[in-house]
Amino acid sequence: MKKHRELPVAPFERVCKNAGAERTAEAALVELRDAAEDYAEALAKKSAEYAKHAGRKTIKAEDVRLALK
């Protein structure tokens, strides 16, 4: 079963254009979107662990910064 994705593909086309690509295949955009969403989910989970460790329910920017290290 495929995982339901939340993010639209269009912003990733703009990211590719800003990175210098003239054109990007739809399948490549889907792969990029999926990878970014997987990364963001893993980062959010790690950030939530830091917030919980600090005794908070709310993820703060400092939690995200720590999770990025």
PDB file of N, CA and C in Angstrom:
ATOM      1  N   MET A   1       0.842  -1.190   0.000  1.00  0.00           N
ATOM      2  CA  MET A   1       0.000   0.000   0.000  1.00  0.00           C
ATOM      3  C   MET A   1       0.882   1.246   0.000  1.00  0.00           C
ATOM      4  N   LYS A   2       0.580   2.169  -0.896  1.00  0.00           N
ATOM      5  CA  LYS A   2       1.340   3.408  -0.981  1.00  0.00           C
ATOM      6  C   LYS A   2       0.964   4.348   0.154  1.00  0.00           C
ATOM      7  N   LYS A   3       1.956   5.074   0.633  1.00  0.00           N
ATOM      8  CA  LYS A   3       1.749   6.058   1.689  1.00  0.00           C
ATOM      9  C   LYS A   3       1.068   7.287   1.103  1.00  0.00           C
ATOM     10  N   HIS A   4       0.064   7.794   1.814  1.00  0.00           N
ATOM     11  CA  HIS A   4      -0.616   9.023   1.374  1.00  0.00           C
ATOM     12  C   HIS A   4       0.332  10.205   1.558  1.00  0.00           C
ATOM     13  N   ARG A   5       0.477  11.001   0.543  1.00  0.00           N
ATOM     14  CA  ARG A   5       1.356  12.166   0.598  1.00  0.00           C
ATOM     15  C   ARG A   5       0.535  13.430   0.780  1.00  0.00           C
ATOM     16  N   GLU A   6       1.078  14.356   1.552  1.00  0.00           N
ATOM     17  CA  GLU A   6       0.377  15.596   1.882  1.00  0.00           C
ATOM     18  C   GLU A   6       0.772  16.767   0.986  1.00  0.00           C
ATOM     19  N   LEU A   7       2.017  16.800   0.557  1.00  0.00           N
ATOM     20  CA  LEU A   7       2.524  17.963  -0.161  1.00  0.00           C
ATOM     21  C   LEU A   7       2.247  17.882  -1.657  1.00  0.00           C
ATOM     22  N   PRO A   8       1.914  19.009  -2.276  1.00  0.00           N
ATOM     23  CA  PRO A   8       1.732  19.025  -3.729  1.00  0.00           C
ATOM     24  C   PRO A   8       3.087  18.971  -4.436  1.00  0.00           C
ATOM     25  N   VAL A   9       3.088  18.613  -5.692  1.00  0.00           N
ATOM     26  CA  VAL A   9       4.317  18.474  -6.469  1.00  0.00           C
ATOM     27  C   VAL A   9       4.804  19.822  -7.002  1.00  0.00           C
ATOM     28  N   ALA A  10       3.913  20.756  -7.269  1.00  0.00           N
ATOM     29  CA  ALA A  10       4.269  22.031  -7.911  1.00  0.00           C
ATOM     30  C   ALA A  10       5.407  22.788  -7.216  1.00  0.00           C
ATOM     31  N   PRO A  11       5.421  22.893  -5.886  1.00  0.00           N
ATOM     32  CA  PRO A  11       6.538  23.620  -5.264  1.00  0.00           C
ATOM     33  C   PRO A  11       7.903  22.979  -5.551  1.00  0.00           C
ATOM     34  N   PHE A  12       7.918  21.678  -5.744  1.00  0.00           N
ATOM     35  CA  PHE A  12       9.178  21.000  -6.035  1.00  0.00           C
ATOM     36  C   PHE A  12       9.653  21.287  -7.450  1.00  0.00           C
ATOM     37  N   GLU A  13       8.719  21.580  -8.342  1.00  0.00           N
ATOM     38  CA  GLU A  13       9.102  22.008  -9.684  1.00  0.00           C
ATOM     39  C   GLU A  13       9.804  23.361  -9.609  1.00  0.00           C
ATOM     40  N   ARG A  14       9.282  24.252  -8.761  1.00  0.00           N
ATOM     41  CA  ARG A  14       9.937  25.559  -8.575  1.00  0.00           C
ATOM     42  C   ARG A  14      11.318  25.395  -7.951  1.00  0.00           C
ATOM     43  N   VAL A  15      11.446  24.470  -7.007  1.00  0.00           N
ATOM     44  CA  VAL A  15      12.751  24.203  -6.387  1.00  0.00           C
ATOM     45  C   VAL A  15      13.744  23.750  -7.458  1.00  0.00           C
ATOM     46  N   CYS A  16      13.312  22.864  -8.324  1.00  0.00           N
ATOM     47  CA  CYS A  16      14.186  22.377  -9.390  1.00  0.00           C
ATOM     48  C   CYS A  16      14.579  23.505 -10.339  1.00  0.00           C
ATOM     49  N   LYS A  17      13.619  24.358 -10.697  1.00  0.00           N
ATOM     50  CA  LYS A  17      13.918  25.496 -11.567  1.00  0.00           C
ATOM     51  C   LYS A  17      14.923  26.426 -10.904  1.00  0.00           C
ATOM     52  N   ASN A  18      14.732  26.704  -9.603  1.00  0.00           N
ATOM     53  CA  ASN A  18      15.660  27.564  -8.870  1.00  0.00           C
ATOM     54  C   ASN A  18      17.048  26.933  -8.767  1.00  0.00           C
ATOM     55  N   ALA A  19      17.106  25.608  -8.843  1.00  0.00           N
ATOM     56  CA  ALA A  19      18.382  24.890  -8.782  1.00  0.00           C
ATOM     57  C   ALA A  19      19.052  24.827 -10.157  1.00  0.00           C
ATOM     58  N   GLY A  20      18.364  25.330 -11.193  1.00  0.00           N
ATOM     59  CA  GLY A  20      18.967  25.401 -12.517  1.00  0.00           C
ATOM     60  C   GLY A  20      18.395  24.458 -13.551  1.00  0.00           C
ATOM     61  N   ALA A  21      17.430  23.632 -13.194  1.00  0.00           N
ATOM     62  CA  ALA A  21      16.831  22.710 -14.161  1.00  0.00           C
ATOM     63  C   ALA A  21      15.861  23.465 -15.060  1.00  0.00           C
ATOM     64  N   GLU A  22      15.991  23.255 -16.355  1.00  0.00           N
ATOM     65  CA  GLU A  22      15.044  23.870 -17.290  1.00  0.00           C
ATOM     66  C   GLU A  22      13.705  23.151 -17.247  1.00  0.00           C
ATOM     67  N   ARG A  23      13.771  21.811 -17.198  1.00  0.00           N
ATOM     68  CA  ARG A  23      12.564  20.993 -17.132  1.00  0.00           C
ATOM     69  C   ARG A  23      12.825  19.832 -16.182  1.00  0.00           C
ATOM     70  N   THR A  24      11.768  19.338 -15.567  1.00  0.00           N
ATOM     71  CA  THR A  24      11.872  18.187 -14.669  1.00  0.00           C
ATOM     72  C   THR A  24      10.702  17.256 -14.950  1.00  0.00           C
ATOM     73  N   ALA A  25      10.999  15.985 -15.112  1.00  0.00           N
ATOM     74  CA  ALA A  25       9.952  14.996 -15.372  1.00  0.00           C
ATOM     75  C   ALA A  25       9.039  14.874 -14.160  1.00  0.00           C
ATOM     76  N   GLU A  26       7.769  14.617 -14.410  1.00  0.00           N
ATOM     77  CA  GLU A  26       6.778  14.471 -13.335  1.00  0.00           C
ATOM     78  C   GLU A  26       7.208  13.385 -12.347  1.00  0.00           C
ATOM     79  N   ALA A  27       7.727  12.271 -12.853  1.00  0.00           N
ATOM     80  CA  ALA A  27       8.163  11.182 -11.972  1.00  0.00           C
ATOM     81  C   ALA A  27       9.304  11.632 -11.059  1.00  0.00           C
ATOM     82  N   ALA A  28      10.185  12.472 -11.580  1.00  0.00           N
ATOM     83  CA  ALA A  28      11.288  12.996 -10.763  1.00  0.00           C
ATOM     84  C   ALA A  28      10.749  13.914  -9.672  1.00  0.00           C
ATOM     85  N   LEU A  29       9.755  14.708 -10.010  1.00  0.00           N
ATOM     86  CA  LEU A  29       9.145  15.598  -9.014  1.00  0.00           C
ATOM     87  C   LEU A  29       8.465  14.800  -7.915  1.00  0.00           C
ATOM     88  N   VAL A  30       7.803  13.723  -8.280  1.00  0.00           N
ATOM     89  CA  VAL A  30       7.144  12.865  -7.293  1.00  0.00           C
ATOM     90  C   VAL A  30       8.190  12.241  -6.364  1.00  0.00           C
ATOM     91  N   GLU A  31       9.297  11.765  -6.940  1.00  0.00           N
ATOM     92  CA  GLU A  31      10.366  11.175  -6.124  1.00  0.00           C
ATOM     93  C   GLU A  31      10.961  12.209  -5.172  1.00  0.00           C
ATOM     94  N   LEU A  32      11.185  13.415  -5.671  1.00  0.00           N
ATOM     95  CA  LEU A  32      11.732  14.484  -4.841  1.00  0.00           C
ATOM     96  C   LEU A  32      10.765  14.843  -3.721  1.00  0.00           C
ATOM     97  N   ARG A  33       9.485  14.960  -4.049  1.00  0.00           N
ATOM     98  CA  ARG A  33       8.464  15.253  -3.050  1.00  0.00           C
ATOM     99  C   ARG A  33       8.418  14.158  -1.984  1.00  0.00           C
ATOM    100  N   ASP A  34       8.429  12.902  -2.404  1.00  0.00           N
ATOM    101  CA  ASP A  34       8.367  11.784  -1.463  1.00  0.00           C
ATOM    102  C   ASP A  34       9.574  11.771  -0.534  1.00  0.00           C
ATOM    103  N   ALA A  35      10.760  11.995  -1.101  1.00  0.00           N
ATOM    104  CA  ALA A  35      11.985  12.016  -0.294  1.00  0.00           C
ATOM    105  C   ALA A  35      11.955  13.167   0.713  1.00  0.00           C
ATOM    106  N   ALA A  36      11.504  14.341   0.265  1.00  0.00           N
ATOM    107  CA  ALA A  36      11.433  15.499   1.156  1.00  0.00           C
ATOM    108  C   ALA A  36      10.429  15.261   2.281  1.00  0.00           C
ATOM    109  N   GLU A  37       9.314  14.648   1.946  1.00  0.00           N
ATOM    110  CA  GLU A  37       8.296  14.369   2.953  1.00  0.00           C
ATOM    111  C   GLU A  37       8.793  13.336   3.968  1.00  0.00           C
ATOM    112  N   ASP A  38       9.486  12.305   3.489  1.00  0.00           N
ATOM    113  CA  ASP A  38      10.060  11.304   4.393  1.00  0.00           C
ATOM    114  C   ASP A  38      11.076  11.948   5.333  1.00  0.00           C
ATOM    115  N   TYR A  39      11.927  12.815   4.775  1.00  0.00           N
ATOM    116  CA  TYR A  39      12.941  13.503   5.580  1.00  0.00           C
ATOM    117  C   TYR A  39      12.276  14.407   6.615  1.00  0.00           C
ATOM    118  N   ALA A  40      11.265  15.158   6.196  1.00  0.00           N
ATOM    119  CA  ALA A  40      10.576  16.073   7.103  1.00  0.00           C
ATOM    120  C   ALA A  40       9.885  15.311   8.229  1.00  0.00           C
ATOM    121  N   GLU A  41       9.298  14.166   7.914  1.00  0.00           N
ATOM    122  CA  GLU A  41       8.636  13.356   8.933  1.00  0.00           C
ATOM    123  C   GLU A  41       9.644  12.827   9.949  1.00  0.00           C
ATOM    124  N   ALA A  42      10.784  12.344   9.469  1.00  0.00           N
ATOM    125  CA  ALA A  42      11.822  11.839  10.377  1.00  0.00           C
ATOM    126  C   ALA A  42      12.364  12.968  11.252  1.00  0.00           C
ATOM    127  N   LEU A  43      12.538  14.142  10.670  1.00  0.00           N
ATOM    128  CA  LEU A  43      13.015  15.305  11.421  1.00  0.00           C
ATOM    129  C   LEU A  43      11.989  15.728  12.471  1.00  0.00           C
ATOM    130  N   ALA A  44      10.721  15.702  12.125  1.00  0.00           N
ATOM    131  CA  ALA A  44       9.660  16.059  13.067  1.00  0.00           C
ATOM    132  C   ALA A  44       9.609  15.066  14.229  1.00  0.00           C
ATOM    133  N   LYS A  45       9.776  13.780  13.927  1.00  0.00           N
ATOM    134  CA  LYS A  45       9.772  12.769  14.993  1.00  0.00           C
ATOM    135  C   LYS A  45      10.925  12.992  15.959  1.00  0.00           C
ATOM    136  N   LYS A  46      12.114  13.243  15.426  1.00  0.00           N
ATOM    137  CA  LYS A  46      13.286  13.488  16.276  1.00  0.00           C
ATOM    138  C   LYS A  46      13.075  14.769  17.087  1.00  0.00           C
ATOM    139  N   SER A  47      12.516  15.794  16.463  1.00  0.00           N
ATOM    140  CA  SER A  47      12.234  17.057  17.155  1.00  0.00           C
ATOM    141  C   SER A  47      11.237  16.836  18.289  1.00  0.00           C
ATOM    142  N   ALA A  48      10.231  16.004  18.048  1.00  0.00           N
ATOM    143  CA  ALA A  48       9.236  15.699  19.080  1.00  0.00           C
ATOM    144  C   ALA A  48       9.882  14.976  20.252  1.00  0.00           C
ATOM    145  N   GLU A  49      10.859  14.118  19.978  1.00  0.00           N
ATOM    146  CA  GLU A  49      11.581  13.441  21.055  1.00  0.00           C
ATOM    147  C   GLU A  49      12.325  14.447  21.929  1.00  0.00           C
ATOM    148  N   TYR A  50      12.967  15.432  21.296  1.00  0.00           N
ATOM    149  CA  TYR A  50      13.673  16.468  22.060  1.00  0.00           C
ATOM    150  C   TYR A  50      12.695  17.289  22.895  1.00  0.00           C
ATOM    151  N   ALA A  51      11.552  17.632  22.333  1.00  0.00           N
ATOM    152  CA  ALA A  51      10.550  18.398  23.076  1.00  0.00           C
ATOM    153  C   ALA A  51      10.052  17.586  24.269  1.00  0.00           C
ATOM    154  N   LYS A  52       9.766  16.315  24.056  1.00  0.00           N
ATOM    155  CA  LYS A  52       9.283  15.454  25.139  1.00  0.00           C
ATOM    156  C   LYS A  52      10.339  15.327  26.230  1.00  0.00           C
ATOM    157  N   HIS A  53      11.601  15.171  25.830  1.00  0.00           N
ATOM    158  CA  HIS A  53      12.697  15.070  26.789  1.00  0.00           C
ATOM    159  C   HIS A  53      12.794  16.344  27.645  1.00  0.00           C
ATOM    160  N   ALA A  54      12.463  17.479  27.046  1.00  0.00           N
ATOM    161  CA  ALA A  54      12.493  18.762  27.757  1.00  0.00           C
ATOM    162  C   ALA A  54      11.215  18.992  28.568  1.00  0.00           C
ATOM    163  N   GLY A  55      10.294  18.031  28.546  1.00  0.00           N
ATOM    164  CA  GLY A  55       9.059  18.150  29.312  1.00  0.00           C
ATOM    165  C   GLY A  55       8.001  18.993  28.637  1.00  0.00           C
ATOM    166  N   ARG A  56       8.093  19.125  27.324  1.00  0.00           N
ATOM    167  CA  ARG A  56       7.129  19.925  26.576  1.00  0.00           C
ATOM    168  C   ARG A  56       6.361  19.064  25.591  1.00  0.00           C
ATOM    169  N   LYS A  57       5.167  19.531  25.229  1.00  0.00           N
ATOM    170  CA  LYS A  57       4.381  18.909  24.172  1.00  0.00           C
ATOM    171  C   LYS A  57       4.592  19.644  22.852  1.00  0.00           C
ATOM    172  N   THR A  58       5.062  20.871  22.940  1.00  0.00           N
ATOM    173  CA  THR A  58       5.237  21.727  21.772  1.00  0.00           C
ATOM    174  C   THR A  58       6.663  21.629  21.247  1.00  0.00           C
ATOM    175  N   ILE A  59       6.790  21.385  19.939  1.00  0.00           N
ATOM    176  CA  ILE A  59       8.105  21.406  19.298  1.00  0.00           C
ATOM    177  C   ILE A  59       8.493  22.856  19.069  1.00  0.00           C
ATOM    178  N   LYS A  60       9.680  23.219  19.520  1.00  0.00           N
ATOM    179  CA  LYS A  60      10.202  24.572  19.320  1.00  0.00           C
ATOM    180  C   LYS A  60      11.326  24.528  18.289  1.00  0.00           C
ATOM    181  N   ALA A  61      11.694  25.709  17.809  1.00  0.00           N
ATOM    182  CA  ALA A  61      12.764  25.810  16.808  1.00  0.00           C
ATOM    183  C   ALA A  61      14.050  25.172  17.329  1.00  0.00           C
ATOM    184  N   GLU A  62      14.322  25.305  18.612  1.00  0.00           N
ATOM    185  CA  GLU A  62      15.543  24.725  19.184  1.00  0.00           C
ATOM    186  C   GLU A  62      15.536  23.201  19.070  1.00  0.00           C
ATOM    187  N   ASP A  63      14.363  22.584  19.154  1.00  0.00           N
ATOM    188  CA  ASP A  63      14.259  21.132  19.003  1.00  0.00           C
ATOM    189  C   ASP A  63      14.615  20.718  17.575  1.00  0.00           C
ATOM    190  N   VAL A  64      14.132  21.495  16.623  1.00  0.00           N
ATOM    191  CA  VAL A  64      14.421  21.206  15.216  1.00  0.00           C
ATOM    192  C   VAL A  64      15.923  21.384  14.951  1.00  0.00           C
ATOM    193  N   ARG A  65      16.495  22.457  15.498  1.00  0.00           N
ATOM    194  CA  ARG A  65      17.945  22.684  15.321  1.00  0.00           C
ATOM    195  C   ARG A  65      18.753  21.528  15.892  1.00  0.00           C
ATOM    196  N   LEU A  66      18.354  21.053  17.062  1.00  0.00           N
ATOM    197  CA  LEU A  66      19.042  19.904  17.668  1.00  0.00           C
ATOM    198  C   LEU A  66      18.886  18.654  16.816  1.00  0.00           C
ATOM    199  N   ALA A  67      17.715  18.437  16.301  1.00  0.00           N
ATOM    200  CA  ALA A  67      17.442  17.256  15.485  1.00  0.00           C
ATOM    201  C   ALA A  67      18.226  17.288  14.178  1.00  0.00           C
ATOM    202  N   LEU A  68      18.537  18.467  13.692  1.00  0.00           N
ATOM    203  CA  LEU A  68      19.298  18.608  12.452  1.00  0.00           C
ATOM    204  C   LEU A  68      20.767  18.229  12.622  1.00  0.00           C
ATOM    205  N   LYS A  69      21.257  18.253  13.851  1.00  0.00           N
ATOM    206  CA  LYS A  69      22.681  17.940  14.104  1.00  0.00           C
ATOM    207  C   LYS A  69      22.950  16.474  14.013  1.00  0.00           C
TER     208      LYS A  69
END
